[in-house]
Amino acid sequence: MNSEQLTQILQEAFPDAEVAVTGQAGKFDLRIVDDQFEGKRSVARQQAVYAPLNSYIASGAVHAVTIRAMTKAEWRKASLFGA
Protein backbone atom coordinates (compact mmCIF):
# COMPACT_ATOMS: atom_id res chain seq x y z
CA MET A 1 0.00 0.00 0.00
CA ASN A 2 1.34 3.41 -0.91
CA SER A 3 0.10 6.93 -0.21
CA GLU A 4 -1.50 7.28 -3.66
CA GLN A 5 -3.55 4.10 -3.20
CA LEU A 6 -4.62 5.19 0.27
CA THR A 7 -5.58 8.63 -1.05
CA GLN A 8 -7.81 6.98 -3.67
CA ILE A 9 -9.53 4.78 -1.07
CA LEU A 10 -10.22 7.76 1.18
CA GLN A 11 -11.34 9.97 -1.71
CA GLU A 12 -13.89 7.32 -2.67
CA ALA A 13 -15.12 7.14 0.92
CA PHE A 14 -15.19 10.94 1.30
CA PRO A 15 -15.98 12.24 -2.20
CA ASP A 16 -16.44 15.88 -1.14
CA ALA A 17 -13.35 15.97 1.06
CA GLU A 18 -9.88 17.35 0.64
CA VAL A 19 -7.69 14.32 1.31
CA ALA A 20 -3.95 14.42 1.92
CA VAL A 21 -1.89 11.31 2.69
CA THR A 22 1.82 11.08 3.42
CA GLY A 23 3.91 8.18 4.57
CA GLN A 24 5.21 4.81 3.51
CA ALA A 25 5.89 1.27 4.70
CA GLY A 26 2.41 0.96 6.18
CA LYS A 27 2.66 4.10 8.34
CA PHE A 28 0.65 7.07 7.15
CA ASP A 29 -0.44 10.55 8.17
CA LEU A 30 -3.96 11.34 6.97
CA ARG A 31 -5.70 14.68 6.69
CA ILE A 32 -9.34 14.62 5.70
CA VAL A 33 -11.14 17.96 5.49
CA ASP A 34 -14.87 17.51 5.10
CA ASP A 35 -17.87 19.32 6.51
CA GLN A 36 -19.52 15.98 7.29
CA PHE A 37 -17.41 16.04 10.47
CA GLU A 38 -19.37 19.06 11.73
CA GLY A 39 -20.73 18.37 15.22
CA LYS A 40 -18.94 15.03 15.58
CA ARG A 41 -16.50 14.31 18.36
CA SER A 42 -12.95 13.19 17.63
CA VAL A 43 -13.72 9.52 18.23
CA ALA A 44 -16.65 9.54 15.78
CA ARG A 45 -14.49 11.30 13.19
CA GLN A 46 -11.73 8.73 13.58
CA GLN A 47 -14.20 5.85 13.37
CA ALA A 48 -15.53 7.27 10.10
CA VAL A 49 -11.99 7.38 8.69
CA TYR A 50 -11.06 3.92 9.96
CA ALA A 51 -14.18 2.31 8.42
CA PRO A 52 -12.90 2.17 4.80
CA LEU A 53 -9.43 1.17 6.04
CA ASN A 54 -10.35 -1.75 8.30
CA SER A 55 -9.63 -4.51 5.77
CA TYR A 56 -6.24 -2.96 4.93
CA ILE A 57 -5.36 -2.69 8.61
CA ALA A 58 -6.44 -6.30 9.18
CA SER A 59 -4.30 -7.50 6.27
CA GLY A 60 -1.26 -5.56 7.50
CA ALA A 61 -1.08 -3.36 4.37
CA VAL A 62 -1.69 -0.40 6.66
CA HIS A 63 0.08 -0.67 9.97
CA ALA A 64 -0.37 2.73 11.62
CA VAL A 65 -2.23 5.93 10.84
CA THR A 66 -2.29 9.38 12.34
CA ILE A 67 -5.64 10.99 11.58
CA ARG A 68 -6.51 14.66 11.34
CA ALA A 69 -10.21 14.82 10.47
CA MET A 70 -11.66 18.32 10.48
CA THR A 71 -14.21 20.60 8.93
CA LYS A 72 -13.27 23.21 6.33
CA ALA A 73 -13.61 25.98 8.92
CA GLU A 74 -11.37 24.10 11.37
CA TRP A 75 -8.78 23.56 8.63
CA ARG A 76 -8.79 27.26 7.67
CA LYS A 77 -8.30 28.22 11.30
CA ALA A 78 -5.52 25.66 11.78
CA SER A 79 -3.82 26.84 8.58
CA LEU A 80 -3.81 30.44 9.77
CA PHE A 81 -1.96 29.45 12.93
CA GLY A 82 0.45 27.06 11.22
CA ALA A 83 -0.98 23.86 12.66
PDB file of N, CA and C in Angstrom:
ATOM      1  N   MET A   1       0.855  -1.181   0.000  1.00  0.00           N
ATOM      2  CA  MET A   1       0.000   0.000   0.000  1.00  0.00           C
ATOM      3  C   MET A   1       0.896   1.237   0.000  1.00  0.00           C
ATOM      4  N   ASN A   2       0.586   2.156  -0.900  1.00  0.00           N
ATOM      5  CA  ASN A   2       1.340   3.409  -0.908  1.00  0.00           C
ATOM      6  C   ASN A   2       0.372   4.572  -0.673  1.00  0.00           C
ATOM      7  N   SER A   3       0.925   5.773  -0.551  1.00  0.00           N
ATOM      8  CA  SER A   3       0.095   6.928  -0.212  1.00  0.00           C
ATOM      9  C   SER A   3      -0.916   7.256  -1.310  1.00  0.00           C
ATOM     10  N   GLU A   4      -0.563   7.011  -2.574  1.00  0.00           N
ATOM     11  CA  GLU A   4      -1.498   7.279  -3.663  1.00  0.00           C
ATOM     12  C   GLU A   4      -2.710   6.345  -3.598  1.00  0.00           C
ATOM     13  N   GLN A   5      -2.461   5.064  -3.320  1.00  0.00           N
ATOM     14  CA  GLN A   5      -3.549   4.102  -3.199  1.00  0.00           C
ATOM     15  C   GLN A   5      -4.463   4.454  -2.026  1.00  0.00           C
ATOM     16  N   LEU A   6      -3.850   4.826  -0.923  1.00  0.00           N
ATOM     17  CA  LEU A   6      -4.615   5.186   0.266  1.00  0.00           C
ATOM     18  C   LEU A   6      -5.427   6.465   0.021  1.00  0.00           C
ATOM     19  N   THR A   7      -4.854   7.406  -0.697  1.00  0.00           N
ATOM     20  CA  THR A   7      -5.582   8.629  -1.051  1.00  0.00           C
ATOM     21  C   THR A   7      -6.819   8.283  -1.870  1.00  0.00           C
ATOM     22  N   GLN A   8      -6.683   7.385  -2.827  1.00  0.00           N
ATOM     23  CA  GLN A   8      -7.812   6.984  -3.673  1.00  0.00           C
ATOM     24  C   GLN A   8      -8.917   6.328  -2.844  1.00  0.00           C
ATOM     25  N   ILE A   9      -8.547   5.459  -1.930  1.00  0.00           N
ATOM     26  CA  ILE A   9      -9.527   4.781  -1.075  1.00  0.00           C
ATOM     27  C   ILE A   9     -10.299   5.802  -0.248  1.00  0.00           C
ATOM     28  N   LEU A  10      -9.573   6.749   0.343  1.00  0.00           N
ATOM     29  CA  LEU A  10     -10.223   7.759   1.178  1.00  0.00           C
ATOM     30  C   LEU A  10     -11.048   8.735   0.345  1.00  0.00           C
ATOM     31  N   GLN A  11     -10.582   9.058  -0.846  1.00  0.00           N
ATOM     32  CA  GLN A  11     -11.337   9.974  -1.713  1.00  0.00           C
ATOM     33  C   GLN A  11     -12.654   9.333  -2.136  1.00  0.00           C
ATOM     34  N   GLU A  12     -12.650   8.018  -2.342  1.00  0.00           N
ATOM     35  CA  GLU A  12     -13.890   7.318  -2.672  1.00  0.00           C
ATOM     36  C   GLU A  12     -14.843   7.305  -1.479  1.00  0.00           C
ATOM     37  N   ALA A  13     -14.299   7.169  -0.284  1.00  0.00           N
ATOM     38  CA  ALA A  13     -15.118   7.140   0.924  1.00  0.00           C
ATOM     39  C   ALA A  13     -15.624   8.529   1.310  1.00  0.00           C
ATOM     40  N   PHE A  14     -14.848   9.547   0.975  1.00  0.00           N
ATOM     41  CA  PHE A  14     -15.188  10.938   1.304  1.00  0.00           C
ATOM     42  C   PHE A  14     -15.103  11.770   0.022  1.00  0.00           C
ATOM     43  N   PRO A  15     -16.083  11.621  -0.877  1.00  0.00           N
ATOM     44  CA  PRO A  15     -15.985  12.243  -2.202  1.00  0.00           C
ATOM     45  C   PRO A  15     -15.933  13.771  -2.212  1.00  0.00           C
ATOM     46  N   ASP A  16     -16.450  14.421  -1.185  1.00  0.00           N
ATOM     47  CA  ASP A  16     -16.439  15.882  -1.138  1.00  0.00           C
ATOM     48  C   ASP A  16     -15.288  16.436  -0.310  1.00  0.00           C
ATOM     49  N   ALA A  17     -14.416  15.574   0.140  1.00  0.00           N
ATOM     50  CA  ALA A  17     -13.346  15.974   1.058  1.00  0.00           C
ATOM     51  C   ALA A  17     -12.062  16.344   0.335  1.00  0.00           C
ATOM     52  N   GLU A  18     -11.270  17.131   1.034  1.00  0.00           N
ATOM     53  CA  GLU A  18      -9.882  17.346   0.645  1.00  0.00           C
ATOM     54  C   GLU A  18      -9.089  16.292   1.413  1.00  0.00           C
ATOM     55  N   VAL A  19      -8.421  15.421   0.696  1.00  0.00           N
ATOM     56  CA  VAL A  19      -7.690  14.315   1.312  1.00  0.00           C
ATOM     57  C   VAL A  19      -6.204  14.472   1.024  1.00  0.00           C
ATOM     58  N   ALA A  20      -5.397  14.381   2.071  1.00  0.00           N
ATOM     59  CA  ALA A  20      -3.946  14.422   1.924  1.00  0.00           C
ATOM     60  C   ALA A  20      -3.361  13.251   2.715  1.00  0.00           C
ATOM     61  N   VAL A  21      -2.506  12.481   2.066  1.00  0.00           N
ATOM     62  CA  VAL A  21      -1.890  11.313   2.693  1.00  0.00           C
ATOM     63  C   VAL A  21      -0.390  11.377   2.463  1.00  0.00           C
ATOM     64  N   THR A  22       0.367  11.201   3.527  1.00  0.00           N
ATOM     65  CA  THR A  22       1.818  11.083   3.423  1.00  0.00           C
ATOM     66  C   THR A  22       2.244   9.852   4.210  1.00  0.00           C
ATOM     67  N   GLY A  23       3.377   9.326   3.851  1.00  0.00           N
ATOM     68  CA  GLY A  23       3.911   8.181   4.572  1.00  0.00           C
ATOM     69  C   GLY A  23       4.285   7.055   3.644  1.00  0.00           C
ATOM     70  N   GLN A  24       4.784   5.990   4.254  1.00  0.00           N
ATOM     71  CA  GLN A  24       5.210   4.812   3.506  1.00  0.00           C
ATOM     72  C   GLN A  24       5.378   3.651   4.463  1.00  0.00           C
ATOM     73  N   ALA A  25       5.632   2.490   3.921  1.00  0.00           N
ATOM     74  CA  ALA A  25       5.891   1.272   4.697  1.00  0.00           C
ATOM     75  C   ALA A  25       4.787   0.988   5.716  1.00  0.00           C
ATOM     76  N   GLY A  26       3.540   1.270   5.316  1.00  0.00           N
ATOM     77  CA  GLY A  26       2.413   0.959   6.180  1.00  0.00           C
ATOM     78  C   GLY A  26       2.094   1.985   7.242  1.00  0.00           C
ATOM     79  N   LYS A  27       2.893   3.045   7.339  1.00  0.00           N
ATOM     80  CA  LYS A  27       2.665   4.097   8.341  1.00  0.00           C
ATOM     81  C   LYS A  27       2.331   5.392   7.617  1.00  0.00           C
ATOM     82  N   PHE A  28       1.137   5.933   7.914  1.00  0.00           N
ATOM     83  CA  PHE A  28       0.646   7.074   7.153  1.00  0.00           C
ATOM     84  C   PHE A  28       0.076   8.165   8.047  1.00  0.00           C
ATOM     85  N   ASP A  29       0.217   9.391   7.583  1.00  0.00           N
ATOM     86  CA  ASP A  29      -0.444  10.546   8.174  1.00  0.00           C
ATOM     87  C   ASP A  29      -1.578  10.929   7.231  1.00  0.00           C
ATOM     88  N   LEU A  30      -2.782  11.047   7.775  1.00  0.00           N
ATOM     89  CA  LEU A  30      -3.960  11.338   6.970  1.00  0.00           C
ATOM     90  C   LEU A  30      -4.566  12.668   7.397  1.00  0.00           C
ATOM     91  N   ARG A  31      -4.931  13.470   6.413  1.00  0.00           N
ATOM     92  CA  ARG A  31      -5.696  14.681   6.690  1.00  0.00           C
ATOM     93  C   ARG A  31      -6.921  14.646   5.790  1.00  0.00           C
ATOM     94  N   ILE A  32      -8.086  14.630   6.425  1.00  0.00           N
ATOM     95  CA  ILE A  32      -9.344  14.625   5.696  1.00  0.00           C
ATOM     96  C   ILE A  32     -10.118  15.853   6.147  1.00  0.00           C
ATOM     97  N   VAL A  33     -10.393  16.733   5.206  1.00  0.00           N
ATOM     98  CA  VAL A  33     -11.137  17.963   5.488  1.00  0.00           C
ATOM     99  C   VAL A  33     -12.494  17.839   4.811  1.00  0.00           C
ATOM    100  N   ASP A  34     -13.533  17.731   5.636  1.00  0.00           N
ATOM    101  CA  ASP A  34     -14.875  17.508   5.105  1.00  0.00           C
ATOM    102  C   ASP A  34     -15.891  18.045   6.107  1.00  0.00           C
ATOM    103  N   ASP A  35     -16.865  18.760   5.616  1.00  0.00           N
ATOM    104  CA  ASP A  35     -17.875  19.323   6.509  1.00  0.00           C
ATOM    105  C   ASP A  35     -18.806  18.271   7.103  1.00  0.00           C
ATOM    106  N   GLN A  36     -18.720  17.030   6.659  1.00  0.00           N
ATOM    107  CA  GLN A  36     -19.524  15.984   7.285  1.00  0.00           C
ATOM    108  C   GLN A  36     -19.073  15.713   8.724  1.00  0.00           C
ATOM    109  N   PHE A  37     -17.894  16.208   9.102  1.00  0.00           N
ATOM    110  CA  PHE A  37     -17.407  16.039  10.471  1.00  0.00           C
ATOM    111  C   PHE A  37     -18.011  17.063  11.430  1.00  0.00           C
ATOM    112  N   GLU A  38     -18.749  18.022  10.904  1.00  0.00           N
ATOM    113  CA  GLU A  38     -19.367  19.058  11.729  1.00  0.00           C
ATOM    114  C   GLU A  38     -20.208  18.422  12.842  1.00  0.00           C
ATOM    115  N   GLY A  39     -19.960  18.838  14.074  1.00  0.00           N
ATOM    116  CA  GLY A  39     -20.734  18.367  15.220  1.00  0.00           C
ATOM    117  C   GLY A  39     -20.351  16.997  15.736  1.00  0.00           C
ATOM    118  N   LYS A  40     -19.372  16.358  15.124  1.00  0.00           N
ATOM    119  CA  LYS A  40     -18.938  15.031  15.576  1.00  0.00           C
ATOM    120  C   LYS A  40     -17.706  15.162  16.469  1.00  0.00           C
ATOM    121  N   ARG A  41     -17.659  14.340  17.477  1.00  0.00           N
ATOM    122  CA  ARG A  41     -16.498  14.310  18.362  1.00  0.00           C
ATOM    123  C   ARG A  41     -15.336  13.604  17.667  1.00  0.00           C
ATOM    124  N   SER A  42     -14.163  13.764  18.227  1.00  0.00           N
ATOM    125  CA  SER A  42     -12.946  13.188  17.630  1.00  0.00           C
ATOM    126  C   SER A  42     -13.060  11.689  17.394  1.00  0.00           C
ATOM    127  N   VAL A  43     -13.610  10.973  18.354  1.00  0.00           N
ATOM    128  CA  VAL A  43     -13.717   9.516  18.231  1.00  0.00           C
ATOM    129  C   VAL A  43     -14.611   9.147  17.053  1.00  0.00           C
ATOM    130  N   ALA A  44     -15.737   9.822  16.894  1.00  0.00           N
ATOM    131  CA  ALA A  44     -16.649   9.540  15.781  1.00  0.00           C
ATOM    132  C   ALA A  44     -15.985   9.872  14.444  1.00  0.00           C
ATOM    133  N   ARG A  45     -15.211  10.936  14.412  1.00  0.00           N
ATOM    134  CA  ARG A  45     -14.493  11.297  13.189  1.00  0.00           C
ATOM    135  C   ARG A  45     -13.476  10.217  12.838  1.00  0.00           C
ATOM    136  N   GLN A  46     -12.731   9.761  13.834  1.00  0.00           N
ATOM    137  CA  GLN A  46     -11.726   8.727  13.580  1.00  0.00           C
ATOM    138  C   GLN A  46     -12.379   7.420  13.150  1.00  0.00           C
ATOM    139  N   GLN A  47     -13.493   7.072  13.762  1.00  0.00           N
ATOM    140  CA  GLN A  47     -14.200   5.848  13.371  1.00  0.00           C
ATOM    141  C   GLN A  47     -14.650   5.925  11.913  1.00  0.00           C
ATOM    142  N   ALA A  48     -15.104   7.096  11.490  1.00  0.00           N
ATOM    143  CA  ALA A  48     -15.531   7.273  10.098  1.00  0.00           C
ATOM    144  C   ALA A  48     -14.361   7.080   9.137  1.00  0.00           C
ATOM    145  N   VAL A  49     -13.178   7.523   9.538  1.00  0.00           N
ATOM    146  CA  VAL A  49     -11.991   7.385   8.688  1.00  0.00           C
ATOM    147  C   VAL A  49     -11.483   5.941   8.715  1.00  0.00           C
ATOM    148  N   TYR A  50     -11.514   5.306   9.871  1.00  0.00           N
ATOM    149  CA  TYR A  50     -11.065   3.915   9.963  1.00  0.00           C
ATOM    150  C   TYR A  50     -11.945   2.956   9.158  1.00  0.00           C
ATOM    151  N   ALA A  51     -13.235   3.243   9.056  1.00  0.00           N
ATOM    152  CA  ALA A  51     -14.179   2.310   8.425  1.00  0.00           C
ATOM    153  C   ALA A  51     -13.711   1.817   7.053  1.00  0.00           C
ATOM    154  N   PRO A  52     -13.340   2.690   6.106  1.00  0.00           N
ATOM    155  CA  PRO A  52     -12.902   2.168   4.802  1.00  0.00           C
ATOM    156  C   PRO A  52     -11.498   1.554   4.830  1.00  0.00           C
ATOM    157  N   LEU A  53     -10.803   1.690   5.945  1.00  0.00           N
ATOM    158  CA  LEU A  53      -9.431   1.174   6.044  1.00  0.00           C
ATOM    159  C   LEU A  53      -9.327  -0.150   6.787  1.00  0.00           C
ATOM    160  N   ASN A  54     -10.407  -0.578   7.433  1.00  0.00           N
ATOM    161  CA  ASN A  54     -10.346  -1.752   8.304  1.00  0.00           C
ATOM    162  C   ASN A  54      -9.759  -2.990   7.643  1.00  0.00           C
ATOM    163  N   SER A  55     -10.146  -3.294   6.419  1.00  0.00           N
ATOM    164  CA  SER A  55      -9.632  -4.511   5.774  1.00  0.00           C
ATOM    165  C   SER A  55      -8.132  -4.380   5.491  1.00  0.00           C
ATOM    166  N   TYR A  56      -7.663  -3.169   5.195  1.00  0.00           N
ATOM    167  CA  TYR A  56      -6.236  -2.955   4.926  1.00  0.00           C
ATOM    168  C   TYR A  56      -5.420  -3.016   6.212  1.00  0.00           C
ATOM    169  N   ILE A  57      -6.015  -2.580   7.305  1.00  0.00           N
ATOM    170  CA  ILE A  57      -5.357  -2.688   8.608  1.00  0.00           C
ATOM    171  C   ILE A  57      -5.293  -4.155   9.012  1.00  0.00           C
ATOM    172  N   ALA A  58      -6.397  -4.878   8.833  1.00  0.00           N
ATOM    173  CA  ALA A  58      -6.443  -6.304   9.184  1.00  0.00           C
ATOM    174  C   ALA A  58      -5.440  -7.122   8.388  1.00  0.00           C
ATOM    175  N   SER A  59      -5.228  -6.752   7.116  1.00  0.00           N
ATOM    176  CA  SER A  59      -4.296  -7.500   6.269  1.00  0.00           C
ATOM    177  C   SER A  59      -2.839  -7.134   6.541  1.00  0.00           C
ATOM    178  N   GLY A  60      -2.619  -6.018   7.233  1.00  0.00           N
ATOM    179  CA  GLY A  60      -1.260  -5.560   7.495  1.00  0.00           C
ATOM    180  C   GLY A  60      -0.727  -4.594   6.453  1.00  0.00           C
ATOM    181  N   ALA A  61      -1.515  -4.311   5.407  1.00  0.00           N
ATOM    182  CA  ALA A  61      -1.085  -3.364   4.371  1.00  0.00           C
ATOM    183  C   ALA A  61      -0.944  -1.960   4.946  1.00  0.00           C
ATOM    184  N   VAL A  62      -1.788  -1.664   5.920  1.00  0.00           N
ATOM    185  CA  VAL A  62      -1.691  -0.402   6.660  1.00  0.00           C
ATOM    186  C   VAL A  62      -1.427  -0.784   8.105  1.00  0.00           C
ATOM    187  N   HIS A  63      -0.321  -0.292   8.622  1.00  0.00           N
ATOM    188  CA  HIS A  63       0.083  -0.668   9.972  1.00  0.00           C
ATOM    189  C   HIS A  63      -0.300   0.388  11.002  1.00  0.00           C
ATOM    190  N   ALA A  64      -0.100   1.652  10.676  1.00  0.00           N
ATOM    191  CA  ALA A  64      -0.374   2.732  11.621  1.00  0.00           C
ATOM    192  C   ALA A  64      -0.815   3.976  10.859  1.00  0.00           C
ATOM    193  N   VAL A  65      -1.777   4.684  11.442  1.00  0.00           N
ATOM    194  CA  VAL A  65      -2.232   5.935  10.838  1.00  0.00           C
ATOM    195  C   VAL A  65      -2.349   7.002  11.917  1.00  0.00           C
ATOM    196  N   THR A  66      -2.030   8.205  11.526  1.00  0.00           N
ATOM    197  CA  THR A  66      -2.295   9.378  12.341  1.00  0.00           C
ATOM    198  C   THR A  66      -3.365  10.152  11.585  1.00  0.00           C
ATOM    199  N   ILE A  67      -4.480  10.403  12.248  1.00  0.00           N
ATOM    200  CA  ILE A  67      -5.639  10.994  11.578  1.00  0.00           C
ATOM    201  C   ILE A  67      -5.876  12.418  12.054  1.00  0.00           C
ATOM    202  N   ARG A  68      -6.017  13.310  11.081  1.00  0.00           N
ATOM    203  CA  ARG A  68      -6.511  14.660  11.341  1.00  0.00           C
ATOM    204  C   ARG A  68      -7.765  14.810  10.497  1.00  0.00           C
ATOM    205  N   ALA A  69      -8.918  14.707  11.145  1.00  0.00           N
ATOM    206  CA  ALA A  69     -10.212  14.824  10.468  1.00  0.00           C
ATOM    207  C   ALA A  69     -10.873  16.092  10.973  1.00  0.00           C
ATOM    208  N   MET A  70     -11.114  17.024  10.062  1.00  0.00           N
ATOM    209  CA  MET A  70     -11.656  18.318  10.483  1.00  0.00           C
ATOM    210  C   MET A  70     -12.578  18.900   9.429  1.00  0.00           C
ATOM    211  N   THR A  71     -13.344  19.895   9.856  1.00  0.00           N
ATOM    212  CA  THR A  71     -14.212  20.601   8.926  1.00  0.00           C
ATOM    213  C   THR A  71     -13.376  21.627   8.158  1.00  0.00           C
ATOM    214  N   LYS A  72     -13.974  22.188   7.112  1.00  0.00           N
ATOM    215  CA  LYS A  72     -13.265  23.205   6.329  1.00  0.00           C
ATOM    216  C   LYS A  72     -12.934  24.425   7.177  1.00  0.00           C
ATOM    217  N   ALA A  73     -13.857  24.836   8.046  1.00  0.00           N
ATOM    218  CA  ALA A  73     -13.614  25.984   8.915  1.00  0.00           C
ATOM    219  C   ALA A  73     -12.480  25.689   9.900  1.00  0.00           C
ATOM    220  N   GLU A  74     -12.447  24.481  10.451  1.00  0.00           N
ATOM    221  CA  GLU A  74     -11.374  24.101  11.373  1.00  0.00           C
ATOM    222  C   GLU A  74     -10.029  24.082  10.653  1.00  0.00           C
ATOM    223  N   TRP A  75     -10.017  23.608   9.411  1.00  0.00           N
ATOM    224  CA  TRP A  75      -8.784  23.563   8.630  1.00  0.00           C
ATOM    225  C   TRP A  75      -8.278  24.970   8.311  1.00  0.00           C
ATOM    226  N   ARG A  76      -9.189  25.865   7.931  1.00  0.00           N
ATOM    227  CA  ARG A  76      -8.793  27.255   7.668  1.00  0.00           C
ATOM    228  C   ARG A  76      -8.173  27.876   8.899  1.00  0.00           C
ATOM    229  N   LYS A  77      -8.808  27.672  10.041  1.00  0.00           N
ATOM    230  CA  LYS A  77      -8.295  28.217  11.304  1.00  0.00           C
ATOM    231  C   LYS A  77      -6.925  27.623  11.642  1.00  0.00           C
ATOM    232  N   ALA A  78      -6.790  26.317  11.492  1.00  0.00           N
ATOM    233  CA  ALA A  78      -5.516  25.658  11.781  1.00  0.00           C
ATOM    234  C   ALA A  78      -4.427  26.150  10.821  1.00  0.00           C
ATOM    235  N   SER A  79      -4.791  26.361   9.580  1.00  0.00           N
ATOM    236  CA  SER A  79      -3.821  26.837   8.583  1.00  0.00           C
ATOM    237  C   SER A  79      -3.323  28.233   8.899  1.00  0.00           C
ATOM    238  N   LEU A  80      -4.199  29.074   9.414  1.00  0.00           N
ATOM    239  CA  LEU A  80      -3.814  30.444   9.772  1.00  0.00           C
ATOM    240  C   LEU A  80      -2.780  30.461  10.880  1.00  0.00           C
ATOM    241  N   PHE A  81      -2.864  29.485  11.786  1.00  0.00           N
ATOM    242  CA  PHE A  81      -1.964  29.445  12.926  1.00  0.00           C
ATOM    243  C   PHE A  81      -0.834  28.433  12.746  1.00  0.00           C
ATOM    244  N   GLY A  82      -0.674  27.941  11.537  1.00  0.00           N
ATOM    245  CA  GLY A  82       0.452  27.059  11.221  1.00  0.00           C
ATOM    246  C   GLY A  82       0.362  25.678  11.817  1.00  0.00           C
ATOM    247  N   ALA A  83      -0.835  25.199  12.069  1.00  0.00           N
ATOM    248  CA  ALA A  83      -0.985  23.865  12.661  1.00  0.00           C
ATOM    249  C   ALA A  83      -0.939  22.797  11.595  1.00  0.00           C
TER     250      ALA A  83
END
